Protein backbone atom coordinates (compact mmCIF):
# COMPACT_ATOMS: atom_id res chain seq x y z
CA MET A 1 42.54 73.17 124.77
CA GLY A 2 40.99 71.27 121.86
CA LYS A 3 38.79 74.24 121.05
CA LEU A 4 41.62 76.75 121.19
CA LEU A 5 41.21 78.88 118.07
CA THR A 6 44.04 81.33 118.40
CA ILE A 7 47.16 81.16 120.51
CA ILE A 8 48.52 84.56 121.25
CA ILE A 9 51.26 85.62 123.60
CA CYS A 10 49.93 88.86 125.09
CA MET A 11 50.79 91.98 123.12
CA LEU A 12 53.21 90.06 120.89
CA ALA A 13 50.41 88.67 118.80
CA VAL A 14 50.42 89.26 115.08
CA GLN A 15 47.31 88.68 113.01
CA ASN A 16 48.28 86.65 109.95
CA VAL A 17 45.95 86.47 106.98
CA ALA A 18 46.14 84.16 104.03
CA ALA A 19 46.36 86.36 100.96
CA GLN A 20 45.42 85.25 97.47
CA ASP A 21 46.76 88.51 96.07
CA LYS A 22 48.19 91.75 97.33
CA ASN A 23 44.75 93.30 97.70
CA ASP A 24 43.53 90.40 99.84
CA ALA A 25 46.50 90.94 102.14
CA ILE A 26 45.29 94.48 102.69
CA TRP A 27 41.55 93.87 102.76
CA LYS A 28 40.89 90.60 104.58
CA ASP A 29 39.91 90.57 108.24
CA ILE A 30 39.98 87.82 110.89
CA ASN A 31 36.78 86.32 109.48
CA GLY A 32 38.31 85.86 106.03
CA VAL A 33 36.19 88.50 104.29
CA ARG A 34 36.84 91.94 102.85
CA ASP A 35 35.49 94.82 104.85
CA VAL A 36 32.92 97.20 103.33
CA THR A 37 32.50 95.06 100.26
CA LEU A 38 29.43 93.00 99.43
CA ASP A 39 30.63 89.75 100.99
CA SER A 40 31.64 91.57 104.17
CA LEU A 41 28.35 93.41 104.45
CA GLU A 42 26.40 90.21 103.92
CA LYS A 43 28.16 88.56 106.86
CA ALA A 44 28.20 91.69 108.99
CA ASN A 45 24.48 92.26 108.54
CA GLN A 46 23.79 88.84 110.04
CA VAL A 47 24.72 90.30 113.42
CA ARG A 48 24.46 94.08 112.98
CA PRO A 49 21.09 95.39 114.20
CA VAL A 50 18.29 96.55 111.94
CA SER A 51 18.14 100.28 112.54
CA GLY A 52 15.67 101.11 115.29
CA SER A 53 14.81 97.47 115.99
CA SER A 54 15.87 97.75 119.64
CA ARG A 55 13.44 100.57 120.36
CA LYS A 56 11.13 99.99 123.31
CA GLY A 57 7.82 101.73 122.81
CA ASP A 58 8.46 105.41 122.23
CA ASN A 59 11.84 105.40 123.95
CA PRO A 60 14.81 106.97 122.15
CA VAL A 61 17.64 104.97 120.60
CA LEU A 62 21.32 105.81 120.86
CA PHE A 63 22.91 104.94 117.49
CA LEU A 64 26.66 104.27 117.41
CA VAL A 65 28.45 105.00 114.13
CA GLY A 66 32.12 104.16 113.83
CA ASN A 67 34.82 101.68 112.85
CA SER A 68 36.74 98.78 114.40
CA THR A 69 37.55 100.71 117.58
CA MET A 70 33.79 100.79 118.17
CA ARG A 71 32.98 97.37 116.70
CA ASN A 72 35.83 95.00 115.90
CA GLY A 73 35.80 92.41 113.13
CA THR A 74 33.07 91.70 110.64
CA LEU A 75 31.13 89.65 113.19
CA GLY A 76 32.18 91.65 116.24
CA ASN A 77 32.38 88.51 118.39
CA GLY A 78 35.89 88.83 119.83
CA ASN A 79 37.26 85.75 118.08
CA ASN A 80 40.49 87.63 117.40
CA GLY A 81 40.83 88.85 120.97
CA GLN A 82 39.86 92.38 119.98
CA TRP A 83 36.71 94.22 121.01
CA GLY A 84 35.19 97.56 120.09
CA TRP A 85 33.91 99.81 122.88
CA GLY A 86 30.41 99.86 121.43
CA TYR A 87 29.97 96.30 122.68
CA TYR A 88 29.99 97.60 126.26
CA ALA A 89 28.33 101.01 125.81
CA HIS A 90 24.85 99.77 126.76
CA LEU A 91 26.08 98.88 130.26
CA PHE A 92 26.25 102.57 131.11
CA PHE A 93 22.64 103.37 130.22
CA ASP A 94 19.26 102.54 131.71
CA GLU A 95 17.87 100.37 128.93
CA LYS A 96 14.36 100.76 130.30
CA GLN A 97 14.60 104.34 129.06
CA ILE A 98 16.96 104.14 126.07
CA THR A 99 18.52 101.38 123.98
CA VAL A 100 21.97 101.38 122.39
CA GLU A 101 22.50 100.10 118.85
CA ASN A 102 26.03 99.53 117.59
CA HIS A 103 26.04 100.10 113.83
CA ALA A 104 29.82 100.44 113.53
CA LEU A 105 31.83 98.23 111.18
CA GLY A 106 35.57 97.58 111.14
CA GLY A 107 37.55 99.16 108.33
CA THR A 108 35.11 101.96 107.61
CA SER A 109 36.02 105.59 107.09
CA PRO A 110 33.61 108.54 106.92
CA ARG A 111 33.50 107.97 103.17
CA THR A 112 32.81 104.24 103.17
CA PHE A 113 30.36 104.37 106.06
CA TYR A 114 28.44 107.20 104.42
CA ASN A 115 28.27 105.43 101.06
CA LYS A 116 27.48 101.89 102.21
CA LEU A 117 25.97 101.94 105.70
CA TRP A 118 24.58 105.34 106.59
CA LYS A 119 21.31 105.28 104.63
CA PRO A 120 19.97 102.12 106.38
CA VAL A 121 20.88 103.62 109.76
CA LEU A 122 18.98 106.81 108.93
CA GLU A 123 15.86 104.83 108.10
CA GLY A 124 15.37 103.74 111.72
CA MET A 125 15.85 107.18 113.30
CA ARG A 126 13.09 109.15 114.94
CA PRO A 127 12.93 112.59 116.53
CA GLY A 128 14.58 112.51 119.93
CA ASP A 129 17.13 109.82 119.04
CA TYR A 130 20.88 110.33 119.40
CA VAL A 131 23.72 109.54 116.98
CA VAL A 132 27.31 109.13 118.20
CA LEU A 133 29.87 109.66 115.44
CA GLU A 134 33.45 108.42 115.96
CA LEU A 135 35.10 108.30 112.54
CA GLY A 136 38.56 108.99 111.16
CA HIS A 137 40.89 106.11 112.00
CA ASN A 138 40.60 104.70 108.46
CA ASP A 139 40.52 107.96 106.52
CA ASN A 140 43.83 107.23 104.83
CA GLY A 141 45.50 105.63 101.83
CA PRO A 142 44.96 106.24 98.11
CA ILE A 143 41.71 107.91 97.17
CA ASP A 144 41.08 105.66 94.15
CA GLU A 145 42.49 102.18 94.89
CA ASN A 146 42.91 99.38 97.42
CA ARG A 147 40.29 100.12 100.06
CA ALA A 148 39.53 103.48 98.41
CA ARG A 149 38.37 104.95 101.67
CA SER A 150 40.28 108.23 102.00
CA SER A 151 38.46 111.54 101.95
CA TYR A 152 39.37 114.27 99.48
CA LYS A 153 41.91 116.89 100.47
CA THR A 154 40.88 119.84 98.38
CA SER A 155 43.20 122.22 96.56
CA LYS A 156 41.01 125.12 97.69
CA SER A 157 42.38 127.61 100.13
CA ASN A 158 40.93 130.27 102.38
CA GLY A 159 44.10 131.87 103.56
CA GLY A 160 45.07 129.13 105.96
CA GLN A 161 42.19 129.81 108.33
CA TYR A 162 40.57 126.45 107.72
CA ASP A 163 42.26 123.11 106.94
CA LYS A 164 41.87 121.83 103.37
CA PHE A 165 40.49 118.59 104.76
CA LEU A 166 37.52 120.52 106.17
CA LEU A 167 36.58 122.87 103.33
CA GLU A 168 33.43 121.90 101.47
CA ASP A 169 34.59 120.40 98.16
CA SER A 170 34.50 117.16 96.18
CA THR A 171 36.12 115.34 93.29
CA VAL A 172 35.14 112.40 91.09
CA VAL A 173 37.46 109.38 91.02
CA THR A 174 37.49 106.06 89.21
CA VAL A 175 38.23 103.21 91.60
CA LYS A 176 40.90 101.14 89.89
CA GLU A 177 39.83 97.72 91.21
CA ASP A 178 36.29 97.75 89.82
CA GLY A 179 36.15 100.77 87.50
CA ARG A 180 33.23 102.44 89.33
CA GLN A 181 33.08 106.20 89.50
CA GLU A 182 32.56 107.87 92.85
CA LYS A 183 32.11 111.43 94.04
CA VAL A 184 34.43 111.88 97.01
CA PHE A 185 33.97 114.68 99.58
CA THR A 186 36.39 116.12 102.10
CA PHE A 187 36.36 114.88 105.69
CA GLY A 188 34.44 118.00 106.63
CA GLY A 189 32.02 117.37 103.78
CA TYR A 190 31.16 113.91 105.07
CA MET A 191 30.82 115.05 108.68
CA ARG A 192 28.45 117.84 107.68
CA ARG A 193 26.32 115.31 105.84
CA PHE A 194 26.18 112.94 108.81
CA VAL A 195 25.20 115.75 111.16
CA ASN A 196 22.73 117.53 108.90
CA GLU A 197 20.98 114.35 107.74
CA ALA A 198 20.65 113.08 111.31
CA ARG A 199 19.17 116.41 112.34
CA ALA A 200 16.75 116.26 109.42
CA LYS A 201 15.38 113.07 111.02
CA GLY A 202 15.02 114.87 114.35
CA ALA A 203 18.00 113.09 115.93
CA ILE A 204 20.78 114.75 117.94
CA PRO A 205 24.33 114.08 116.66
CA ILE A 206 27.30 113.86 119.06
CA LEU A 207 30.88 114.05 117.79
CA LEU A 208 33.69 112.07 119.42
CA THR A 209 37.43 112.37 118.99
CA LEU A 210 39.13 109.07 118.19
CA THR A 211 40.30 106.43 120.64
CA PRO A 212 44.02 106.83 121.48
CA ARG A 213 46.76 104.56 120.24
CA ASN A 214 49.27 102.72 122.40
CA ALA A 215 52.09 105.07 121.52
CA TYR A 216 54.00 107.72 123.45
CA GLU A 217 55.66 111.03 122.70
CA GLN A 218 59.38 110.94 121.92
CA ASP A 219 60.17 113.82 124.29
CA ASP A 220 57.95 112.51 127.08
CA THR A 221 57.75 108.73 127.10
CA ASN A 222 55.12 108.78 129.85
CA ARG A 223 52.68 110.82 127.81
CA VAL A 224 50.43 109.19 125.20
CA ASP A 225 50.99 110.78 121.80
CA ARG A 226 47.61 112.35 121.15
CA LYS A 227 48.84 113.84 117.87
CA LEU A 228 48.88 110.38 116.25
CA THR A 229 45.10 110.65 116.07
CA SER A 230 45.48 113.83 114.02
CA PHE A 231 41.75 114.16 113.41
CA THR A 232 41.19 115.66 116.87
CA PRO A 233 41.49 119.33 115.81
CA TRP A 234 39.33 118.69 112.74
CA ILE A 235 36.62 116.96 114.78
CA LYS A 236 36.67 119.78 117.30
CA ALA A 237 36.41 122.31 114.47
CA MET A 238 33.41 120.44 113.05
CA ALA A 239 31.73 120.38 116.47
CA GLU A 240 32.20 124.12 116.84
CA GLU A 241 31.02 124.90 113.31
CA LEU A 242 27.95 122.68 113.57
CA SER A 243 27.20 123.42 117.25
CA THR A 244 27.15 119.74 118.15
CA PRO A 245 28.01 118.20 121.52
CA LEU A 246 31.64 117.06 121.63
CA ILE A 247 33.26 114.37 123.78
CA ASP A 248 37.05 114.27 123.71
CA LEU A 249 37.31 110.49 123.96
CA ASN A 250 40.94 110.64 122.86
CA ASP A 251 42.05 112.76 125.80
CA ILE A 252 39.90 111.05 128.45
CA SER A 253 41.19 107.57 127.59
CA ALA A 254 44.77 108.73 126.97
CA THR A 255 44.84 110.29 130.44
CA LYS A 256 43.77 106.95 131.92
CA LEU A 257 46.45 105.04 130.01
CA GLU A 258 49.10 107.44 131.32
CA LYS A 259 47.91 106.88 134.86
CA TYR A 260 47.96 103.10 134.39
CA GLY A 261 51.59 102.93 133.30
CA LYS A 262 53.07 101.08 130.33
CA HIS A 263 52.46 97.47 131.39
CA LYS A 264 48.80 97.97 132.20
CA ALA A 265 48.28 100.19 129.16
CA ASP A 266 49.67 97.42 126.94
CA TYR A 267 46.98 94.90 127.82
CA HIS A 268 44.26 97.42 127.03
CA PHE A 269 45.23 96.74 123.42
CA PHE A 270 45.43 93.40 121.67
CA GLY A 271 47.39 92.33 118.62
CA ASP A 272 48.47 95.85 117.67
CA LYS A 273 48.65 99.40 119.01
CA ILE A 274 45.23 100.53 117.76
CA HIS A 275 42.65 97.87 118.54
CA SER A 276 41.47 97.29 122.07
CA SER A 277 41.22 94.18 124.18
CA ALA A 278 38.11 93.70 126.31
CA PHE A 279 39.89 95.82 128.95
CA GLY A 280 40.47 98.66 126.50
CA ALA A 281 36.96 98.45 125.10
CA LYS A 282 35.44 98.72 128.57
CA MET A 283 37.77 101.61 129.35
CA ASN A 284 36.73 103.52 126.21
CA ALA A 285 33.05 102.84 126.87
CA ALA A 286 33.49 104.23 130.38
CA SER A 287 35.36 107.25 128.97
CA PHE A 288 32.45 107.94 126.62
CA ALA A 289 29.97 107.77 129.50
CA GLU A 290 32.16 109.95 131.73
CA GLY A 291 32.63 112.47 128.93
CA LEU A 292 28.90 112.56 128.32
CA ASP A 293 28.24 113.04 132.02
CA ALA A 294 30.62 116.02 132.08
CA CYS A 295 29.38 117.54 128.81
CA GLN A 296 27.54 120.84 129.32
CA HIS A 297 26.02 121.10 125.85
CA PRO A 298 22.26 121.60 126.26
CA GLN A 299 21.43 119.07 123.53
CA VAL A 300 22.61 116.15 125.70
CA ALA A 301 20.90 117.23 128.91
CA ASN A 302 18.13 114.66 128.48
CA LEU A 303 20.52 111.92 127.36
CA LYS A 304 22.58 112.37 130.53
CA GLN A 305 19.53 111.49 132.59
CA PHE A 306 19.61 107.97 131.12
CA LEU A 307 23.14 107.27 132.38
CA LYS A 308 23.49 104.74 135.19
CA ALA A 309 24.91 106.78 138.04
CA ASP A 310 26.54 103.75 139.68
CA MET A 311 28.44 102.96 136.48
CA VAL A 312 29.70 106.49 135.90
CA HIS A 313 30.38 107.18 139.58
CA PRO A 314 30.94 103.73 141.14
CA LYS A 315 30.14 103.27 144.80
CA THR A 316 32.69 101.82 147.15
CA VAL A 317 32.37 98.24 148.35
CA ILE A 318 31.38 99.43 151.81
CA GLU A 319 28.63 101.64 150.36
CA LYS A 320 27.30 98.76 148.26
CA TYR A 321 27.76 95.95 150.79
CA PRO A 322 28.06 97.33 154.33
CA ASN A 323 27.58 93.84 155.81
CA TRP A 324 30.92 92.78 154.31
CA VAL A 325 32.72 94.72 157.05
CA THR A 326 33.73 92.10 159.62
CA THR A 327 35.52 94.27 162.18
CA LYS A 328 33.64 96.74 164.35
CA PRO A 329 35.27 99.58 166.29
CA THR A 330 34.76 99.73 170.02
CA LYS A 331 35.71 103.38 170.43
CA LYS A 332 34.15 106.45 168.87
CA ALA A 333 36.14 108.22 166.19
CA ASN A 334 37.61 111.38 167.69
CA GLY A 335 39.29 113.10 164.80
CA LYS A 336 42.17 110.68 164.63
CA LYS A 337 43.92 109.72 161.43
CA LYS A 338 41.71 107.78 159.04
CA LYS A 339 41.86 104.03 159.57
CA PRO A 340 43.18 101.86 156.73
CA ARG A 341 40.75 99.46 155.09
CA VAL A 342 41.85 95.86 154.57
CA PHE A 343 40.12 94.18 151.62
CA LEU A 344 40.14 90.44 151.04
CA ALA A 345 39.93 89.16 147.45
CA GLY A 346 39.49 85.41 147.45
CA ASP A 347 37.22 82.36 147.25
CA SER A 348 35.09 80.22 149.60
CA THR A 349 38.02 79.62 151.95
CA GLY A 350 37.78 83.34 152.69
CA LYS A 351 33.99 83.71 152.63
CA ASN A 352 31.45 80.88 152.90
CA ALA A 353 27.98 80.53 154.41
CA ASP A 354 29.50 81.88 157.63
CA LYS A 355 26.41 81.45 159.81
CA ASP A 356 25.81 77.85 160.97
CA PRO A 357 28.03 76.99 163.98
CA ASN A 358 28.38 73.49 162.54
CA GLY A 359 28.67 74.62 158.92
CA MET A 360 31.44 75.84 156.65
CA TRP A 361 33.19 79.11 157.46
CA GLY A 362 35.58 81.32 155.53
CA TRP A 363 38.40 82.83 157.54
CA GLY A 364 37.50 86.39 156.52
CA SER A 365 34.40 86.14 158.68
CA GLN A 366 36.67 85.76 161.71
CA ALA A 367 38.92 88.72 160.94
CA ALA A 368 37.79 90.38 164.17
CA SER A 369 39.53 87.60 166.09
CA VAL A 370 42.92 89.01 165.06
CA PHE A 371 42.33 92.57 163.77
CA ASP A 372 41.52 95.54 166.02
CA GLY A 373 38.41 97.29 164.72
CA ASP A 374 39.62 100.56 166.22
CA LYS A 375 42.76 100.41 164.06
CA CYS A 376 41.47 99.09 160.72
CA THR A 377 38.31 98.17 158.83
CA PHE A 378 38.34 94.64 157.40
CA VAL A 379 36.15 94.20 154.31
CA ASN A 380 35.56 90.61 153.19
CA CYS A 381 35.07 90.73 149.40
CA ALA A 382 35.85 87.03 148.85
CA MET A 383 33.20 84.94 147.09
CA ALA A 384 32.70 81.19 146.97
CA GLY A 385 33.59 79.40 143.75
CA ARG A 386 35.65 82.20 142.27
CA SER A 387 39.00 81.99 140.56
CA THR A 388 41.24 84.92 139.69
CA ARG A 389 39.59 84.92 136.26
CA THR A 390 35.96 84.94 137.40
CA PHE A 391 36.63 87.33 140.29
CA LEU A 392 37.84 89.80 137.67
CA LYS A 393 35.28 88.98 134.99
CA GLU A 394 32.30 89.42 137.31
CA GLY A 395 33.42 92.90 138.34
CA ARG A 396 34.29 91.89 141.89
CA TRP A 397 37.84 93.11 141.51
CA ASP A 398 36.55 96.40 140.09
CA ASP A 399 34.52 96.88 143.28
CA ILE A 400 37.74 96.72 145.28
CA TYR A 401 39.74 98.79 142.78
CA ASN A 402 37.13 101.57 142.76
CA SER A 403 37.19 101.63 146.58
CA LEU A 404 40.93 101.83 147.16
CA GLU A 405 42.62 104.84 148.70
CA PRO A 406 46.23 105.44 149.70
CA GLY A 407 47.05 103.58 152.91
CA ASP A 408 44.61 100.71 152.29
CA TYR A 409 45.62 97.04 152.03
CA VAL A 410 44.45 94.22 149.77
CA LEU A 411 44.94 90.57 150.74
CA ILE A 412 44.94 88.45 147.57
CA GLN A 413 44.32 84.71 147.96
CA PHE A 414 43.36 82.42 145.08
CA GLY A 415 44.17 78.97 143.77
CA HIS A 416 41.51 76.45 144.78
CA ASN A 417 39.31 77.14 141.73
CA ASP A 418 41.89 78.31 139.20
CA MET A 419 43.04 74.97 137.84
CA SER A 420 39.71 73.75 136.49
CA GLY A 421 38.18 73.80 133.00
CA ILE A 422 38.99 76.84 130.89
CA ASP A 423 36.44 76.51 128.07
CA LYS A 424 34.10 74.10 129.88
CA PRO A 425 31.73 74.54 132.85
CA LYS A 426 32.35 76.27 135.25
CA PHE A 427 34.46 78.36 132.89
CA ARG A 428 36.82 79.56 135.60
CA GLY A 429 40.15 77.90 134.85
CA VAL A 430 43.29 79.84 133.96
CA ILE A 431 46.54 79.03 132.19
CA PRO A 432 48.62 77.31 134.90
CA VAL A 433 51.84 79.31 134.69
CA ALA A 434 53.27 82.37 136.43
CA GLN A 435 54.63 84.17 133.38
CA ASP A 436 52.36 86.46 131.34
CA SER A 437 50.50 84.58 128.63
CA CYS A 438 47.02 84.38 127.17
CA HIS A 439 44.93 82.48 124.63
CA VAL A 440 41.65 83.14 122.84
CA TYR A 441 39.22 80.37 123.75
CA ARG A 442 35.78 79.51 122.41
CA MET A 443 33.44 78.69 125.29
CA GLU A 444 31.70 75.35 125.07
CA ASP A 445 28.24 76.47 126.23
CA ASP A 446 27.38 79.41 123.97
CA GLY A 447 30.23 79.66 121.47
CA SER A 448 31.39 83.00 122.83
CA TYR A 449 35.05 83.96 122.83
CA GLU A 450 37.20 85.02 125.74
CA VAL A 451 40.85 85.88 126.18
CA VAL A 452 41.99 83.85 129.17
CA TYR A 453 45.23 84.79 130.90
CA SER A 454 47.70 82.96 133.14
CA PHE A 455 47.39 82.54 136.91
CA GLY A 456 50.42 84.76 137.37
CA TRP A 457 49.01 87.42 135.05
CA TYR A 458 45.79 87.76 137.03
CA LEU A 459 47.67 87.95 140.32
CA LYS A 460 50.03 90.58 138.91
CA LYS A 461 47.09 92.63 137.65
CA PHE A 462 45.58 92.69 141.13
CA ILE A 463 48.97 93.63 142.59
CA GLU A 464 49.62 96.41 140.08
CA ASP A 465 46.09 97.81 140.32
CA THR A 466 46.42 97.99 144.11
CA ARG A 467 49.73 99.84 143.91
CA GLU A 468 48.33 102.19 141.29
CA LYS A 469 45.80 103.42 143.85
CA GLY A 470 48.47 103.97 146.51
CA ALA A 471 47.42 100.89 148.50
CA THR A 472 49.53 97.90 149.58
CA PRO A 473 48.96 94.41 148.13
CA ILE A 474 49.80 91.29 150.15
CA LEU A 475 49.76 87.93 148.37
CA LEU A 476 48.56 84.93 150.40
CA SER A 477 49.05 81.29 149.44
CA LEU A 478 45.95 79.10 149.34
CA THR A 479 44.74 77.32 152.47
CA PRO A 480 45.74 73.64 152.90
CA ARG A 481 43.31 70.76 152.39
CA ASN A 482 42.44 67.93 154.76
CA GLU A 483 44.46 65.39 152.79
CA TRP A 484 47.10 63.27 154.55
CA PRO A 485 49.44 61.37 152.22
CA ASN A 486 52.06 59.41 154.17
CA GLY A 487 50.65 60.61 157.48
CA LYS A 488 51.42 64.29 156.89
CA VAL A 489 49.02 66.98 155.71
CA GLU A 490 49.23 67.61 151.96
CA ARG A 491 51.59 70.37 150.82
CA ARG A 492 51.21 71.81 147.33
CA ASN A 493 54.55 73.54 147.25
CA ASP A 494 55.79 71.89 144.07
CA PHE A 495 53.03 73.54 142.05
CA PHE A 496 51.25 76.44 143.75
CA GLY A 497 54.25 77.23 145.92
CA LYS A 498 56.41 77.71 142.83
CA LEU A 499 53.79 79.86 141.10
CA TYR A 500 53.39 82.17 144.09
CA ARG A 501 57.10 82.58 144.56
CA GLN A 502 57.65 83.34 140.89
CA VAL A 503 55.04 86.10 141.13
CA VAL A 504 56.75 87.41 144.29
CA GLU A 505 60.07 87.42 142.47
CA GLN A 506 58.60 89.29 139.50
CA THR A 507 56.68 91.89 141.53
CA GLY A 508 58.37 92.17 144.92
CA VAL A 509 54.97 91.87 146.58
CA ASP A 510 54.74 91.03 150.29
CA PHE A 511 53.94 87.33 150.65
CA ILE A 512 52.45 85.32 153.51
CA ASP A 513 52.59 81.55 153.12
CA ILE A 514 49.37 80.70 154.93
CA HIS A 515 49.41 77.30 153.22
CA ASN A 516 52.50 76.14 155.11
CA ILE A 517 51.89 78.08 158.33
CA THR A 518 48.50 76.41 158.76
CA ALA A 519 49.83 73.06 157.50
CA ASP A 520 52.52 73.15 160.19
CA ALA A 521 49.82 73.68 162.81
CA LEU A 522 47.74 70.81 161.41
CA ASP A 523 50.73 68.44 161.44
CA LYS A 524 51.27 69.24 165.12
CA MET A 525 47.63 68.40 165.85
CA GLY A 526 47.74 65.14 163.93
CA LYS A 527 45.22 63.85 161.44
CA GLU A 528 42.52 62.94 163.97
CA LYS A 529 42.41 66.29 165.81
CA ALA A 530 42.95 68.30 162.62
CA ALA A 531 39.74 66.84 161.18
CA ALA A 532 37.82 69.27 163.43
CA MET A 533 39.31 72.14 161.43
CA PHE A 534 37.32 71.14 158.32
CA ASN A 535 33.64 70.59 157.60
CA HIS A 536 31.75 68.60 154.94
CA ASP A 537 34.75 68.12 152.61
CA HIS A 538 38.52 68.30 152.43
CA THR A 539 38.77 71.99 151.47
CA HIS A 540 36.30 74.06 153.48
CA THR A 541 36.95 74.90 157.09
CA SER A 542 34.83 74.76 160.18
CA LEU A 543 34.54 77.78 162.45
CA ALA A 544 37.63 76.59 164.34
CA GLY A 545 39.49 76.08 161.07
CA ALA A 546 38.61 79.59 159.91
CA GLN A 547 39.97 81.00 163.15
CA LEU A 548 43.14 78.93 162.72
CA ASN A 549 43.74 80.48 159.26
CA CYS A 550 43.24 83.94 160.80
CA GLN A 551 45.91 83.13 163.35
CA SER A 552 48.20 82.01 160.51
CA LEU A 553 47.66 85.35 158.78
CA ALA A 554 48.52 87.24 161.96
CA LYS A 555 51.64 85.11 162.45
CA GLY A 556 52.68 85.76 158.86
CA LEU A 557 52.17 89.54 159.14
CA LYS A 558 54.46 89.60 162.16
CA ALA A 559 57.05 87.40 160.46
CA ILE A 560 57.42 89.71 157.44
CA LYS A 561 57.16 92.81 159.67
CA SER A 562 54.33 94.21 157.62
CA PRO A 563 53.06 97.65 158.72
CA LEU A 564 49.63 96.01 158.80
CA ARG A 565 50.74 94.05 161.87
CA LYS A 566 50.16 97.25 163.87
CA CYS A 567 46.44 96.75 163.27
CA LEU A 568 46.45 93.35 164.98
CA LYS A 569 45.03 92.87 168.43
């Protein structure tokens, strides 16, 4: 933990900044610079792209224009645990056909982005490019002091048919901090300029409503308060007036947060109720892609063709990896009730090479020895070397999550790889406690930053995600090792046993203690005979050992009277 930069208890974190004066307290960001001032721009431009520099041949570029919800921090490197969704937007596009450039900067409003950043972005645009505009979060505060980023609310009126924030008007102000004079337009005035100037370059502008906040309505505490992002009606009015494509990012992401529930929604934000964690940033990027895919405006018809279909409409695990199914039915389906699927999330003790009779085998490969293929479909999604952290980070958990349907089961078994280095190779360790906690770590190999959570947190995420989809999670303890202190097989109940049981206590999840069920069987065999249950090392099982762990699972399902026991042979 020597390289731990920031210690943050999840969702209780508060970003503290050292202020030299009251303006610094308002202006400074996590990198110790003031946003949209010269020192901030100098640092930000070290990592922000040169406009159009990503272009491949004559391919179009998708330019992203926004604030910290699109690109967080001056450097945008996640060192404060917060990420903007623009960091992940490129994942949803075929970059052989289009590239994505994130020109957003934290702290900017339509006014400050237009004055300080927009002209360089325009310079790289060509006909056929696209410009995504998500601005408004920072259009607040005094018009002539502190950050001086608010738009002008005109005194004009047109009989109440059009909001004063949208009417075309301007005023000249003197910014108190530096004495400069500035012509300030209304919100509508700035948006018209963004749209019209992009079109003059031959680019196609797309307006987005703002990302939602982590706040709920007073009269309906399960409904995200969409009115807190009050710019939604103004942005929609601008889209209608200017005939631009519109994606209601606010509603798409808010609907997801409501479906997640409060606990899961909380960790989609980090440090406050506005800025997203990596989870929230990925969610908002997906919402943008989904909204684009559903948009019927003719100006985005070509752009939609560049979307990665598998990212917008994920395939199920079975569609992607049909060979992961390890149980085969013997009877033809005859219109009976759909069989449940049983997914295994785990490590090499669940899936290994699984082919050499004298090699190492994961028990998931032998699921057919205990499960009836006519009653359930067993899908072995385990992967060697994975911890809870890397199983999630690599998208393996998402494969399961996107596949789940009501009536399915997920067996969750981790531990062997979780207590290794956190910020050192193989970068798979977790915080070794059951309670929710997290830290921001700087990785030793490339200097990147990652929020790493506790062992219990990852397990609880898998459990909650499974329940969210109407499926049943079952937590399994890790398999025992071929270690024999004092003539008895090693038991890790004082550490892992406590962690598992604390998670069970906190979640009420069904629990099967494979560790002790198999260990009891090994003790009965004795050290010499039990050696045949392992191969090549003290952790990985032989074919016979894999089958023994399957038998332990079946015994455990019967002991807890799980409904899944009805799928056993």
